[in-house]
Every structure is written in structure tokens, then in C-alpha cells.
Amino acid sequence: MPKPTELNLHRQSRVLEIRYEDGAHFTLSCEYLRVYSPSAEVQGHGPGQGVLQLGKEDVGIDRIEPVGNYAVCLHFDDEHNTGIYSWDYLYRLGTEHEMLWQSYLAALEQAGQPRKIKPS
């Protein structure tokens, strides 16, 4: 799996930009990263035990903490900081972004919890 060469947090737009050594480039929103946190709190402890994350439209990242040479811990401003985002997991979130995002939106709709869209 490729390793990242650059990791940039854009606080104002609330996105994390990641570039990998194979040329892949992803711009992932803080909301997306938060709702797909690899933590047990979000994913559960086994298949089918994930917890749908609600109201994360305005979440941001306060800081990024390295975890060895293989991952980062993202500290979100809603106090969530238990997910360890491996380089492989971030790469997967980037390559499968469209499918995962649509799946999240569908789950919100099915739960009767539409995503709040900020007025322009």
C-alpha cells in the first residue's frame, strides 16, 4: 500500500488533503472522516455493530497526532479522538469516497435523520 507524502489540514474549509507516493490525491471532509472513524465507538466491536453518526456536518479537526510511522490520530472538535487512521485506511477512504459517502447519506435518510445543509 502506498505511503502518504503530504498531509494538510485546511481548518477553514474543514478538509484534510492527503497525497500519496503513487500520485493519489484525496481531499476528505472532516465530517466524512468523523463519520467513518475507525474507532470502536463508531464501528462497533463486530460486524453490523456500527453506530450511525448524526449531526457531524460542522465538525472540525483540532489537531493531528502521529501514531508511529503507520497512522495518525485525528482529534475532532466534538472531543472524539479514539480512532487510529492508518495510511491504508485513509487511502481506502479516499478511493472509495463516493460509494461510502452515498452509503452514509442513505443511512441518514433511512434513519429519518437528513443531513443538515447550511444556508448559503
PDB file of N, CA and C in Angstrom:
ATOM      1  N   MET A   1       0.846  -1.177   0.000  1.00  0.00           N
ATOM      2  CA  MET A   1       0.000   0.000   0.000  1.00  0.00           C
ATOM      3  C   MET A   1       0.892   1.242   0.000  1.00  0.00           C
ATOM      4  N   PRO A   2       0.551   2.240  -0.803  1.00  0.00           N
ATOM      5  CA  PRO A   2       1.380   3.458  -0.845  1.00  0.00           C
ATOM      6  C   PRO A   2       1.357   4.227   0.478  1.00  0.00           C
ATOM      7  N   LYS A   3       2.398   4.978   0.706  1.00  0.00           N
ATOM      8  CA  LYS A   3       2.516   5.803   1.911  1.00  0.00           C
ATOM      9  C   LYS A   3       2.236   7.263   1.542  1.00  0.00           C
ATOM     10  N   PRO A   4       1.717   8.041   2.497  1.00  0.00           N
ATOM     11  CA  PRO A   4       1.463   9.453   2.210  1.00  0.00           C
ATOM     12  C   PRO A   4       2.761  10.249   2.150  1.00  0.00           C
ATOM     13  N   THR A   5       2.754  11.244   1.289  1.00  0.00           N
ATOM     14  CA  THR A   5       3.900  12.149   1.178  1.00  0.00           C
ATOM     15  C   THR A   5       3.548  13.523   1.724  1.00  0.00           C
ATOM     16  N   GLU A   6       2.254  13.798   1.858  1.00  0.00           N
ATOM     17  CA  GLU A   6       1.817  15.112   2.327  1.00  0.00           C
ATOM     18  C   GLU A   6       0.461  14.991   3.009  1.00  0.00           C
ATOM     19  N   LEU A   7       0.309  15.710   4.101  1.00  0.00           N
ATOM     20  CA  LEU A   7      -0.939  15.717   4.855  1.00  0.00           C
ATOM     21  C   LEU A   7      -1.177  17.163   5.277  1.00  0.00           C
ATOM     22  N   ASN A   8      -2.257  17.779   4.772  1.00  0.00           N
ATOM     23  CA  ASN A   8      -2.541  19.183   5.076  1.00  0.00           C
ATOM     24  C   ASN A   8      -3.960  19.344   5.569  1.00  0.00           C
ATOM     25  N   LEU A   9      -4.091  19.943   6.734  1.00  0.00           N
ATOM     26  CA  LEU A   9      -5.403  20.241   7.285  1.00  0.00           C
ATOM     27  C   LEU A   9      -5.771  21.671   6.908  1.00  0.00           C
ATOM     28  N   HIS A  10      -6.912  21.827   6.267  1.00  0.00           N
ATOM     29  CA  HIS A  10      -7.432  23.146   5.906  1.00  0.00           C
ATOM     30  C   HIS A  10      -8.580  23.430   6.871  1.00  0.00           C
ATOM     31  N   ARG A  11      -8.284  24.170   7.920  1.00  0.00           N
ATOM     32  CA  ARG A  11      -9.246  24.379   9.000  1.00  0.00           C
ATOM     33  C   ARG A  11     -10.496  25.131   8.557  1.00  0.00           C
ATOM     34  N   GLN A  12     -10.318  26.176   7.770  1.00  0.00           N
ATOM     35  CA  GLN A  12     -11.463  26.985   7.391  1.00  0.00           C
ATOM     36  C   GLN A  12     -12.466  26.199   6.550  1.00  0.00           C
ATOM     37  N   SER A  13     -11.973  25.444   5.588  1.00  0.00           N
ATOM     38  CA  SER A  13     -12.869  24.646   4.738  1.00  0.00           C
ATOM     39  C   SER A  13     -13.152  23.277   5.344  1.00  0.00           C
ATOM     40  N   ARG A  14     -12.498  22.966   6.451  1.00  0.00           N
ATOM     41  CA  ARG A  14     -12.689  21.706   7.173  1.00  0.00           C
ATOM     42  C   ARG A  14     -12.470  20.491   6.272  1.00  0.00           C
ATOM     43  N   VAL A  15     -11.315  20.444   5.646  1.00  0.00           N
ATOM     44  CA  VAL A  15     -10.935  19.284   4.840  1.00  0.00           C
ATOM     45  C   VAL A  15      -9.493  18.894   5.144  1.00  0.00           C
ATOM     46  N   LEU A  16      -9.228  17.611   4.984  1.00  0.00           N
ATOM     47  CA  LEU A  16      -7.883  17.077   5.117  1.00  0.00           C
ATOM     48  C   LEU A  16      -7.447  16.645   3.726  1.00  0.00           C
ATOM     49  N   GLU A  17      -6.342  17.184   3.290  1.00  0.00           N
ATOM     50  CA  GLU A  17      -5.800  16.872   1.964  1.00  0.00           C
ATOM     51  C   GLU A  17      -4.636  15.913   2.145  1.00  0.00           C
ATOM     52  N   ILE A  18      -4.672  14.812   1.396  1.00  0.00           N
ATOM     53  CA  ILE A  18      -3.645  13.781   1.520  1.00  0.00           C
ATOM     54  C   ILE A  18      -3.106  13.438   0.132  1.00  0.00           C
ATOM     55  N   ARG A  19      -1.792  13.426   0.016  1.00  0.00           N
ATOM     56  CA  ARG A  19      -1.124  12.988  -1.215  1.00  0.00           C
ATOM     57  C   ARG A  19      -0.299  11.753  -0.885  1.00  0.00           C
ATOM     58  N   TYR A  20      -0.356  10.788  -1.795  1.00  0.00           N
ATOM     59  CA  TYR A  20       0.371   9.539  -1.612  1.00  0.00           C
ATOM     60  C   TYR A  20       1.485   9.415  -2.642  1.00  0.00           C
ATOM     61  N   GLU A  21       2.459   8.563  -2.328  1.00  0.00           N
ATOM     62  CA  GLU A  21       3.632   8.384  -3.183  1.00  0.00           C
ATOM     63  C   GLU A  21       3.299   7.834  -4.568  1.00  0.00           C
ATOM     64  N   ASP A  22       2.120   7.209  -4.729  1.00  0.00           N
ATOM     65  CA  ASP A  22       1.733   6.692  -6.046  1.00  0.00           C
ATOM     66  C   ASP A  22       1.016   7.746  -6.883  1.00  0.00           C
ATOM     67  N   GLY A  23       0.945   8.985  -6.370  1.00  0.00           N
ATOM     68  CA  GLY A  23       0.292  10.071  -7.100  1.00  0.00           C
ATOM     69  C   GLY A  23      -1.160  10.288  -6.706  1.00  0.00           C
ATOM     70  N   ALA A  24      -1.717   9.403  -5.912  1.00  0.00           N
ATOM     71  CA  ALA A  24      -3.107   9.576  -5.469  1.00  0.00           C
ATOM     72  C   ALA A  24      -3.206  10.832  -4.614  1.00  0.00           C
ATOM     73  N   HIS A  25      -4.318  11.538  -4.771  1.00  0.00           N
ATOM     74  CA  HIS A  25      -4.558  12.784  -4.042  1.00  0.00           C
ATOM     75  C   HIS A  25      -6.013  12.805  -3.617  1.00  0.00           C
ATOM     76  N   PHE A  26      -6.254  12.964  -2.319  1.00  0.00           N
ATOM     77  CA  PHE A  26      -7.611  12.956  -1.795  1.00  0.00           C
ATOM     78  C   PHE A  26      -7.847  14.204  -0.956  1.00  0.00           C
ATOM     79  N   THR A  27      -9.044  14.742  -1.062  1.00  0.00           N
ATOM     80  CA  THR A  27      -9.489  15.835  -0.219  1.00  0.00           C
ATOM     81  C   THR A  27     -10.721  15.325   0.513  1.00  0.00           C
ATOM     82  N   LEU A  28     -10.568  15.068   1.803  1.00  0.00           N
ATOM     83  CA  LEU A  28     -11.619  14.434   2.595  1.00  0.00           C
ATOM     84  C   LEU A  28     -12.141  15.402   3.649  1.00  0.00           C
ATOM     85  N   SER A  29     -13.454  15.568   3.692  1.00  0.00           N
ATOM     86  CA  SER A  29     -14.029  16.497   4.665  1.00  0.00           C
ATOM     87  C   SER A  29     -13.883  15.937   6.073  1.00  0.00           C
ATOM     88  N   CYS A  30     -13.830  16.839   7.041  1.00  0.00           N
ATOM     89  CA  CYS A  30     -13.761  16.429   8.444  1.00  0.00           C
ATOM     90  C   CYS A  30     -15.005  15.628   8.802  1.00  0.00           C
ATOM     91  N   GLU A  31     -16.150  16.032   8.275  1.00  0.00           N
ATOM     92  CA  GLU A  31     -17.387  15.292   8.531  1.00  0.00           C
ATOM     93  C   GLU A  31     -17.251  13.842   8.074  1.00  0.00           C
ATOM     94  N   TYR A  32     -16.775  13.647   6.850  1.00  0.00           N
ATOM     95  CA  TYR A  32     -16.598  12.304   6.293  1.00  0.00           C
ATOM     96  C   TYR A  32     -15.644  11.479   7.159  1.00  0.00           C
ATOM     97  N   LEU A  33     -14.519  12.086   7.531  1.00  0.00           N
ATOM     98  CA  LEU A  33     -13.548  11.376   8.372  1.00  0.00           C
ATOM     99  C   LEU A  33     -14.136  11.034   9.733  1.00  0.00           C
ATOM    100  N   ARG A  34     -14.957  11.927  10.271  1.00  0.00           N
ATOM    101  CA  ARG A  34     -15.552  11.689  11.592  1.00  0.00           C
ATOM    102  C   ARG A  34     -16.581  10.565  11.545  1.00  0.00           C
ATOM    103  N   VAL A  35     -17.442  10.572  10.527  1.00  0.00           N
ATOM    104  CA  VAL A  35     -18.497   9.554  10.482  1.00  0.00           C
ATOM    105  C   VAL A  35     -17.948   8.183  10.102  1.00  0.00           C
ATOM    106  N   TYR A  36     -16.754   8.152   9.506  1.00  0.00           N
ATOM    107  CA  TYR A  36     -16.099   6.879   9.204  1.00  0.00           C
ATOM    108  C   TYR A  36     -14.882   6.639  10.087  1.00  0.00           C
ATOM    109  N   SER A  37     -14.922   7.198  11.302  1.00  0.00           N
ATOM    110  CA  SER A  37     -13.833   6.965  12.251  1.00  0.00           C
ATOM    111  C   SER A  37     -13.659   5.460  12.452  1.00  0.00           C
ATOM    112  N   PRO A  38     -12.402   4.990  12.482  1.00  0.00           N
ATOM    113  CA  PRO A  38     -12.169   3.563  12.703  1.00  0.00           C
ATOM    114  C   PRO A  38     -12.315   3.143  14.168  1.00  0.00           C
ATOM    115  N   SER A  39     -12.750   4.047  15.033  1.00  0.00           N
ATOM    116  CA  SER A  39     -12.874   3.722  16.456  1.00  0.00           C
ATOM    117  C   SER A  39     -13.988   2.719  16.706  1.00  0.00           C
ATOM    118  N   ALA A  40     -13.867   1.983  17.799  1.00  0.00           N
ATOM    119  CA  ALA A  40     -14.911   1.034  18.189  1.00  0.00           C
ATOM    120  C   ALA A  40     -16.204   1.770  18.526  1.00  0.00           C
ATOM    121  N   GLU A  41     -16.099   2.994  19.004  1.00  0.00           N
ATOM    122  CA  GLU A  41     -17.277   3.814  19.314  1.00  0.00           C
ATOM    123  C   GLU A  41     -18.158   4.018  18.079  1.00  0.00           C
ATOM    124  N   VAL A  42     -17.527   4.114  16.916  1.00  0.00           N
ATOM    125  CA  VAL A  42     -18.254   4.313  15.658  1.00  0.00           C
ATOM    126  C   VAL A  42     -18.488   2.993  14.934  1.00  0.00           C
ATOM    127  N   GLN A  43     -17.458   2.176  14.819  1.00  0.00           N
ATOM    128  CA  GLN A  43     -17.526   0.934  14.049  1.00  0.00           C
ATOM    129  C   GLN A  43     -18.158  -0.226  14.809  1.00  0.00           C
ATOM    130  N   GLY A  44     -18.202  -0.109  16.131  1.00  0.00           N
ATOM    131  CA  GLY A  44     -18.682  -1.222  16.939  1.00  0.00           C
ATOM    132  C   GLY A  44     -17.562  -2.223  17.161  1.00  0.00           C
ATOM    133  N   HIS A  45     -17.886  -3.318  17.822  1.00  0.00           N
ATOM    134  CA  HIS A  45     -16.877  -4.334  18.139  1.00  0.00           C
ATOM    135  C   HIS A  45     -16.977  -5.561  17.247  1.00  0.00           C
ATOM    136  N   GLY A  46     -17.863  -5.508  16.262  1.00  0.00           N
ATOM    137  CA  GLY A  46     -18.025  -6.627  15.347  1.00  0.00           C
ATOM    138  C   GLY A  46     -18.893  -6.215  14.182  1.00  0.00           C
ATOM    139  N   PRO A  47     -19.023  -7.080  13.192  1.00  0.00           N
ATOM    140  CA  PRO A  47     -19.828  -6.773  12.012  1.00  0.00           C
ATOM    141  C   PRO A  47     -21.262  -6.390  12.379  1.00  0.00           C
ATOM    142  N   GLY A  48     -21.749  -5.340  11.741  1.00  0.00           N
ATOM    143  CA  GLY A  48     -23.126  -4.907  11.943  1.00  0.00           C
ATOM    144  C   GLY A  48     -23.367  -4.143  13.230  1.00  0.00           C
ATOM    145  N   GLN A  49     -22.320  -3.822  13.963  1.00  0.00           N
ATOM    146  CA  GLN A  49     -22.486  -3.111  15.232  1.00  0.00           C
ATOM    147  C   GLN A  49     -22.129  -1.633  15.150  1.00  0.00           C
ATOM    148  N   GLY A  50     -21.915  -1.132  13.925  1.00  0.00           N
ATOM    149  CA  GLY A  50     -21.569   0.273  13.743  1.00  0.00           C
ATOM    150  C   GLY A  50     -22.687   1.189  14.221  1.00  0.00           C
ATOM    151  N   VAL A  51     -22.306   2.391  14.637  1.00  0.00           N
ATOM    152  CA  VAL A  51     -23.255   3.377  15.147  1.00  0.00           C
ATOM    153  C   VAL A  51     -23.308   4.545  14.173  1.00  0.00           C
ATOM    154  N   LEU A  52     -24.489   4.806  13.622  1.00  0.00           N
ATOM    155  CA  LEU A  52     -24.675   5.920  12.699  1.00  0.00           C
ATOM    156  C   LEU A  52     -24.376   7.226  13.422  1.00  0.00           C
ATOM    157  N   GLN A  53     -23.501   8.025  12.853  1.00  0.00           N
ATOM    158  CA  GLN A  53     -23.106   9.298  13.448  1.00  0.00           C
ATOM    159  C   GLN A  53     -24.014  10.403  12.929  1.00  0.00           C
ATOM    160  N   LEU A  54     -24.617  11.140  13.841  1.00  0.00           N
ATOM    161  CA  LEU A  54     -25.567  12.194  13.482  1.00  0.00           C
ATOM    162  C   LEU A  54     -25.019  13.564  13.859  1.00  0.00           C
ATOM    163  N   GLY A  55     -25.415  14.573  13.081  1.00  0.00           N
ATOM    164  CA  GLY A  55     -25.078  15.953  13.413  1.00  0.00           C
ATOM    165  C   GLY A  55     -23.609  16.299  13.336  1.00  0.00           C
ATOM    166  N   LYS A  56     -22.888  15.723  12.401  1.00  0.00           N
ATOM    167  CA  LYS A  56     -21.449  15.975  12.290  1.00  0.00           C
ATOM    168  C   LYS A  56     -21.101  16.919  11.137  1.00  0.00           C
ATOM    169  N   GLU A  57     -22.100  17.610  10.593  1.00  0.00           N
ATOM    170  CA  GLU A  57     -21.880  18.485   9.439  1.00  0.00           C
ATOM    171  C   GLU A  57     -20.839  19.574   9.697  1.00  0.00           C
ATOM    172  N   ASP A  58     -20.787  20.089  10.908  1.00  0.00           N
ATOM    173  CA  ASP A  58     -19.882  21.203  11.222  1.00  0.00           C
ATOM    174  C   ASP A  58     -18.647  20.801  12.014  1.00  0.00           C
ATOM    175  N   VAL A  59     -18.384  19.508  12.130  1.00  0.00           N
ATOM    176  CA  VAL A  59     -17.239  19.065  12.916  1.00  0.00           C
ATOM    177  C   VAL A  59     -15.933  19.476  12.218  1.00  0.00           C
ATOM    178  N   GLY A  60     -14.941  19.779  13.035  1.00  0.00           N
ATOM    179  CA  GLY A  60     -13.618  20.111  12.526  1.00  0.00           C
ATOM    180  C   GLY A  60     -12.575  19.261  13.225  1.00  0.00           C
ATOM    181  N   ILE A  61     -11.356  19.393  12.794  1.00  0.00           N
ATOM    182  CA  ILE A  61     -10.228  18.693  13.415  1.00  0.00           C
ATOM    183  C   ILE A  61      -9.388  19.736  14.133  1.00  0.00           C
ATOM    184  N   ASP A  62      -9.158  19.513  15.428  1.00  0.00           N
ATOM    185  CA  ASP A  62      -8.334  20.422  16.224  1.00  0.00           C
ATOM    186  C   ASP A  62      -6.843  20.158  16.028  1.00  0.00           C
ATOM    187  N   ARG A  63      -6.496  18.864  15.984  1.00  0.00           N
ATOM    188  CA  ARG A  63      -5.080  18.530  15.798  1.00  0.00           C
ATOM    189  C   ARG A  63      -4.937  17.108  15.269  1.00  0.00           C
ATOM    190  N   ILE A  64      -3.754  16.873  14.721  1.00  0.00           N
ATOM    191  CA  ILE A  64      -3.409  15.565  14.154  1.00  0.00           C
ATOM    192  C   ILE A  64      -2.172  15.077  14.890  1.00  0.00           C
ATOM    193  N   GLU A  65      -2.276  13.884  15.436  1.00  0.00           N
ATOM    194  CA  GLU A  65      -1.181  13.313  16.217  1.00  0.00           C
ATOM    195  C   GLU A  65      -0.637  12.076  15.506  1.00  0.00           C
ATOM    196  N   PRO A  66       0.659  12.043  15.196  1.00  0.00           N
ATOM    197  CA  PRO A  66       1.236  10.857  14.565  1.00  0.00           C
ATOM    198  C   PRO A  66       1.158   9.639  15.483  1.00  0.00           C
ATOM    199  N   VAL A  67       0.947   8.477  14.891  1.00  0.00           N
ATOM    200  CA  VAL A  67       0.964   7.204  15.615  1.00  0.00           C
ATOM    201  C   VAL A  67       1.989   6.335  14.889  1.00  0.00           C
ATOM    202  N   GLY A  68       3.183   6.277  15.449  1.00  0.00           N
ATOM    203  CA  GLY A  68       4.261   5.543  14.796  1.00  0.00           C
ATOM    204  C   GLY A  68       4.495   6.060  13.389  1.00  0.00           C
ATOM    205  N   ASN A  69       4.861   5.152  12.493  1.00  0.00           N
ATOM    206  CA  ASN A  69       5.065   5.503  11.083  1.00  0.00           C
ATOM    207  C   ASN A  69       3.934   5.008  10.212  1.00  0.00           C
ATOM    208  N   TYR A  70       2.820   4.616  10.836  1.00  0.00           N
ATOM    209  CA  TYR A  70       1.774   3.952  10.063  1.00  0.00           C
ATOM    210  C   TYR A  70       0.407   4.613  10.136  1.00  0.00           C
ATOM    211  N   ALA A  71       0.243   5.652  10.962  1.00  0.00           N
ATOM    212  CA  ALA A  71      -1.108   6.179  11.165  1.00  0.00           C
ATOM    213  C   ALA A  71      -1.084   7.550  11.822  1.00  0.00           C
ATOM    214  N   VAL A  72      -2.285   8.121  11.947  1.00  0.00           N
ATOM    215  CA  VAL A  72      -2.488   9.347  12.714  1.00  0.00           C
ATOM    216  C   VAL A  72      -3.747   9.195  13.554  1.00  0.00           C
ATOM    217  N   CYS A  73      -3.784   9.926  14.652  1.00  0.00           N
ATOM    218  CA  CYS A  73      -4.993  10.037  15.459  1.00  0.00           C
ATOM    219  C   CYS A  73      -5.529  11.443  15.201  1.00  0.00           C
ATOM    220  N   LEU A  74      -6.771  11.534  14.756  1.00  0.00           N
ATOM    221  CA  LEU A  74      -7.395  12.818  14.492  1.00  0.00           C
ATOM    222  C   LEU A  74      -8.189  13.233  15.726  1.00  0.00           C
ATOM    223  N   HIS A  75      -7.917  14.410  16.217  1.00  0.00           N
ATOM    224  CA  HIS A  75      -8.616  14.955  17.380  1.00  0.00           C
ATOM    225  C   HIS A  75      -9.668  15.935  16.863  1.00  0.00           C
ATOM    226  N   PHE A  76     -10.927  15.513  16.913  1.00  0.00           N
ATOM    227  CA  PHE A  76     -12.027  16.320  16.399  1.00  0.00           C
ATOM    228  C   PHE A  76     -12.510  17.305  17.459  1.00  0.00           C
ATOM    229  N   ASP A  77     -13.113  18.401  17.009  1.00  0.00           N
ATOM    230  CA  ASP A  77     -13.570  19.414  17.954  1.00  0.00           C
ATOM    231  C   ASP A  77     -14.844  19.022  18.701  1.00  0.00           C
ATOM    232  N   ASP A  78     -15.409  17.843  18.386  1.00  0.00           N
ATOM    233  CA  ASP A  78     -16.527  17.335  19.193  1.00  0.00           C
ATOM    234  C   ASP A  78     -16.007  16.392  20.285  1.00  0.00           C
ATOM    235  N   GLU A  79     -14.682  16.437  20.504  1.00  0.00           N
ATOM    236  CA  GLU A  79     -13.986  15.674  21.544  1.00  0.00           C
ATOM    237  C   GLU A  79     -13.746  14.205  21.187  1.00  0.00           C
ATOM    238  N   HIS A  80     -14.100  13.786  19.969  1.00  0.00           N
ATOM    239  CA  HIS A  80     -13.814  12.415  19.546  1.00  0.00           C
ATOM    240  C   HIS A  80     -12.339  12.335  19.146  1.00  0.00           C
ATOM    241  N   ASN A  81     -11.619  11.371  19.711  1.00  0.00           N
ATOM    242  CA  ASN A  81     -10.196  11.236  19.390  1.00  0.00           C
ATOM    243  C   ASN A  81      -9.689   9.814  19.594  1.00  0.00           C
ATOM    244  N   THR A  82     -10.576   8.833  19.457  1.00  0.00           N
ATOM    245  CA  THR A  82     -10.155   7.456  19.731  1.00  0.00           C
ATOM    246  C   THR A  82      -9.885   6.634  18.472  1.00  0.00           C
ATOM    247  N   GLY A  83     -10.066   7.204  17.303  1.00  0.00           N
ATOM    248  CA  GLY A  83      -9.817   6.442  16.075  1.00  0.00           C
ATOM    249  C   GLY A  83      -8.377   6.565  15.614  1.00  0.00           C
ATOM    250  N   ILE A  84      -7.771   5.462  15.267  1.00  0.00           N
ATOM    251  CA  ILE A  84      -6.424   5.451  14.689  1.00  0.00           C
ATOM    252  C   ILE A  84      -6.581   5.243  13.181  1.00  0.00           C
ATOM    253  N   TYR A  85      -6.264   6.274  12.421  1.00  0.00           N
ATOM    254  CA  TYR A  85      -6.416   6.254  10.965  1.00  0.00           C
ATOM    255  C   TYR A  85      -5.100   5.815  10.337  1.00  0.00           C
ATOM    256  N   SER A  86      -5.017   4.535   9.968  1.00  0.00           N
ATOM    257  CA  SER A  86      -3.798   4.038   9.317  1.00  0.00           C
ATOM    258  C   SER A  86      -3.719   4.638   7.914  1.00  0.00           C
ATOM    259  N   TRP A  87      -2.524   4.645   7.360  1.00  0.00           N
ATOM    260  CA  TRP A  87      -2.355   5.156   5.986  1.00  0.00           C
ATOM    261  C   TRP A  87      -3.215   4.344   5.023  1.00  0.00           C
ATOM    262  N   ASP A  88      -3.302   3.024   5.250  1.00  0.00           N
ATOM    263  CA  ASP A  88      -4.117   2.164   4.387  1.00  0.00           C
ATOM    264  C   ASP A  88      -5.600   2.533   4.495  1.00  0.00           C
ATOM    265  N   TYR A  89      -6.064   2.786   5.718  1.00  0.00           N
ATOM    266  CA  TYR A  89      -7.469   3.134   5.918  1.00  0.00           C
ATOM    267  C   TYR A  89      -7.793   4.473   5.267  1.00  0.00           C
ATOM    268  N   LEU A  90      -6.914   5.463   5.409  1.00  0.00           N
ATOM    269  CA  LEU A  90      -7.132   6.760   4.759  1.00  0.00           C
ATOM    270  C   LEU A  90      -7.141   6.619   3.234  1.00  0.00           C
ATOM    271  N   TYR A  91      -6.272   5.741   2.726  1.00  0.00           N
ATOM    272  CA  TYR A  91      -6.241   5.502   1.281  1.00  0.00           C
ATOM    273  C   TYR A  91      -7.577   4.898   0.825  1.00  0.00           C
ATOM    274  N   ARG A  92      -8.070   3.952   1.596  1.00  0.00           N
ATOM    275  CA  ARG A  92      -9.368   3.335   1.281  1.00  0.00           C
ATOM    276  C   ARG A  92     -10.491   4.372   1.340  1.00  0.00           C
ATOM    277  N   LEU A  93     -10.478   5.230   2.366  1.00  0.00           N
ATOM    278  CA  LEU A  93     -11.493   6.280   2.451  1.00  0.00           C
ATOM    279  C   LEU A  93     -11.437   7.199   1.229  1.00  0.00           C
ATOM    280  N   GLY A  94     -10.243   7.409   0.714  1.00  0.00           N
ATOM    281  CA  GLY A  94     -10.095   8.238  -0.486  1.00  0.00           C
ATOM    282  C   GLY A  94     -10.578   7.543  -1.741  1.00  0.00           C
ATOM    283  N   THR A  95     -10.158   6.310  -1.946  1.00  0.00           N
ATOM    284  CA  THR A  95     -10.515   5.607  -3.186  1.00  0.00           C
ATOM    285  C   THR A  95     -11.985   5.205  -3.225  1.00  0.00           C
ATOM    286  N   GLU A  96     -12.583   4.994  -2.057  1.00  0.00           N
ATOM    287  CA  GLU A  96     -13.988   4.574  -2.002  1.00  0.00           C
ATOM    288  C   GLU A  96     -14.913   5.704  -1.544  1.00  0.00           C
ATOM    289  N   HIS A  97     -14.425   6.932  -1.645  1.00  0.00           N
ATOM    290  CA  HIS A  97     -15.158   8.089  -1.127  1.00  0.00           C
ATOM    291  C   HIS A  97     -16.597   8.165  -1.629  1.00  0.00           C
ATOM    292  N   GLU A  98     -16.803   8.130  -2.911  1.00  0.00           N
ATOM    293  CA  GLU A  98     -18.152   8.318  -3.458  1.00  0.00           C
ATOM    294  C   GLU A  98     -19.120   7.252  -2.943  1.00  0.00           C
ATOM    295  N   MET A  99     -18.699   6.000  -2.983  1.00  0.00           N
ATOM    296  CA  MET A  99     -19.563   4.911  -2.519  1.00  0.00           C
ATOM    297  C   MET A  99     -19.863   5.034  -1.020  1.00  0.00           C
ATOM    298  N   LEU A 100     -18.829   5.288  -0.215  1.00  0.00           N
ATOM    299  CA  LEU A 100     -19.014   5.392   1.227  1.00  0.00           C
ATOM    300  C   LEU A 100     -19.867   6.606   1.597  1.00  0.00           C
ATOM    301  N   TRP A 101     -19.654   7.729   0.919  1.00  0.00           N
ATOM    302  CA  TRP A 101     -20.434   8.930   1.210  1.00  0.00           C
ATOM    303  C   TRP A 101     -21.911   8.705   0.879  1.00  0.00           C
ATOM    304  N   GLN A 102     -22.185   8.098  -0.269  1.00  0.00           N
ATOM    305  CA  GLN A 102     -23.575   7.818  -0.648  1.00  0.00           C
ATOM    306  C   GLN A 102     -24.215   6.835   0.328  1.00  0.00           C
ATOM    307  N   SER A 103     -23.451   5.879   0.802  1.00  0.00           N
ATOM    308  CA  SER A 103     -23.948   4.918   1.782  1.00  0.00           C
ATOM    309  C   SER A 103     -24.317   5.630   3.084  1.00  0.00           C
ATOM    310  N   TYR A 104     -23.486   6.561   3.512  1.00  0.00           N
ATOM    311  CA  TYR A 104     -23.755   7.338   4.718  1.00  0.00           C
ATOM    312  C   TYR A 104     -25.024   8.177   4.552  1.00  0.00           C
ATOM    313  N   LEU A 105     -25.155   8.864   3.412  1.00  0.00           N
ATOM    314  CA  LEU A 105     -26.340   9.690   3.166  1.00  0.00           C
ATOM    315  C   LEU A 105     -27.605   8.833   3.141  1.00  0.00           C
ATOM    316  N   ALA A 106     -27.523   7.654   2.549  1.00  0.00           N
ATOM    317  CA  ALA A 106     -28.671   6.743   2.503  1.00  0.00           C
ATOM    318  C   ALA A 106     -29.033   6.267   3.909  1.00  0.00           C
ATOM    319  N   ALA A 107     -28.035   5.984   4.733  1.00  0.00           N
ATOM    320  CA  ALA A 107     -28.295   5.537   6.113  1.00  0.00           C
ATOM    321  C   ALA A 107     -28.968   6.651   6.915  1.00  0.00           C
ATOM    322  N   LEU A 108     -28.534   7.888   6.706  1.00  0.00           N
ATOM    323  CA  LEU A 108     -29.174   9.022   7.383  1.00  0.00           C
ATOM    324  C   LEU A 108     -30.636   9.128   6.969  1.00  0.00           C
ATOM    325  N   GLU A 109     -30.865   9.015   5.671  1.00  0.00           N
ATOM    326  CA  GLU A 109     -32.233   9.119   5.159  1.00  0.00           C
ATOM    327  C   GLU A 109     -33.102   7.994   5.712  1.00  0.00           C
ATOM    328  N   GLN A 110     -32.581   6.790   5.703  1.00  0.00           N
ATOM    329  CA  GLN A 110     -33.327   5.634   6.205  1.00  0.00           C
ATOM    330  C   GLN A 110     -33.658   5.792   7.695  1.00  0.00           C
ATOM    331  N   ALA A 111     -32.765   6.439   8.428  1.00  0.00           N
ATOM    332  CA  ALA A 111     -32.986   6.655   9.858  1.00  0.00           C
ATOM    333  C   ALA A 111     -33.877   7.871  10.123  1.00  0.00           C
ATOM    334  N   GLY A 112     -34.307   8.553   9.044  1.00  0.00           N
ATOM    335  CA  GLY A 112     -35.128   9.742   9.214  1.00  0.00           C
ATOM    336  C   GLY A 112     -34.345  10.912   9.780  1.00  0.00           C
ATOM    337  N   GLN A 113     -33.056  10.921   9.517  1.00  0.00           N
ATOM    338  CA  GLN A 113     -32.167  11.964  10.026  1.00  0.00           C
ATOM    339  C   GLN A 113     -31.427  12.634   8.862  1.00  0.00           C
ATOM    340  N   PRO A 114     -32.126  13.413   8.053  1.00  0.00           N
ATOM    341  CA  PRO A 114     -31.448  14.018   6.903  1.00  0.00           C
ATOM    342  C   PRO A 114     -30.307  14.921   7.338  1.00  0.00           C
ATOM    343  N   ARG A 115     -29.317  14.967   6.515  1.00  0.00           N
ATOM    344  CA  ARG A 115     -28.144  15.801   6.781  1.00  0.00           C
ATOM    345  C   ARG A 115     -28.570  17.259   6.727  1.00  0.00           C
ATOM    346  N   LYS A 116     -28.156  18.015   7.721  1.00  0.00           N
ATOM    347  CA  LYS A 116     -28.470  19.440   7.754  1.00  0.00           C
ATOM    348  C   LYS A 116     -27.545  20.173   6.797  1.00  0.00           C
ATOM    349  N   ILE A 117     -28.135  20.921   5.896  1.00  0.00           N
ATOM    350  CA  ILE A 117     -27.344  21.690   4.945  1.00  0.00           C
ATOM    351  C   ILE A 117     -27.359  23.147   5.399  1.00  0.00           C
ATOM    352  N   LYS A 118     -26.162  23.714   5.493  1.00  0.00           N
ATOM    353  CA  LYS A 118     -26.061  25.091   5.944  1.00  0.00           C
ATOM    354  C   LYS A 118     -26.601  26.039   4.879  1.00  0.00           C
ATOM    355  N   PRO A 119     -27.321  27.101   5.287  1.00  0.00           N
ATOM    356  CA  PRO A 119     -27.777  28.085   4.309  1.00  0.00           C
ATOM    357  C   PRO A 119     -26.610  28.826   3.696  1.00  0.00           C
ATOM    358  N   SER A 120     -26.739  29.218   2.443  1.00  0.00           N
ATOM    359  CA  SER A 120     -25.655  29.932   1.760  1.00  0.00           C
ATOM    360  C   SER A 120     -25.651  31.389   2.125  1.00  0.00           C
TER     361      SER A 120
END
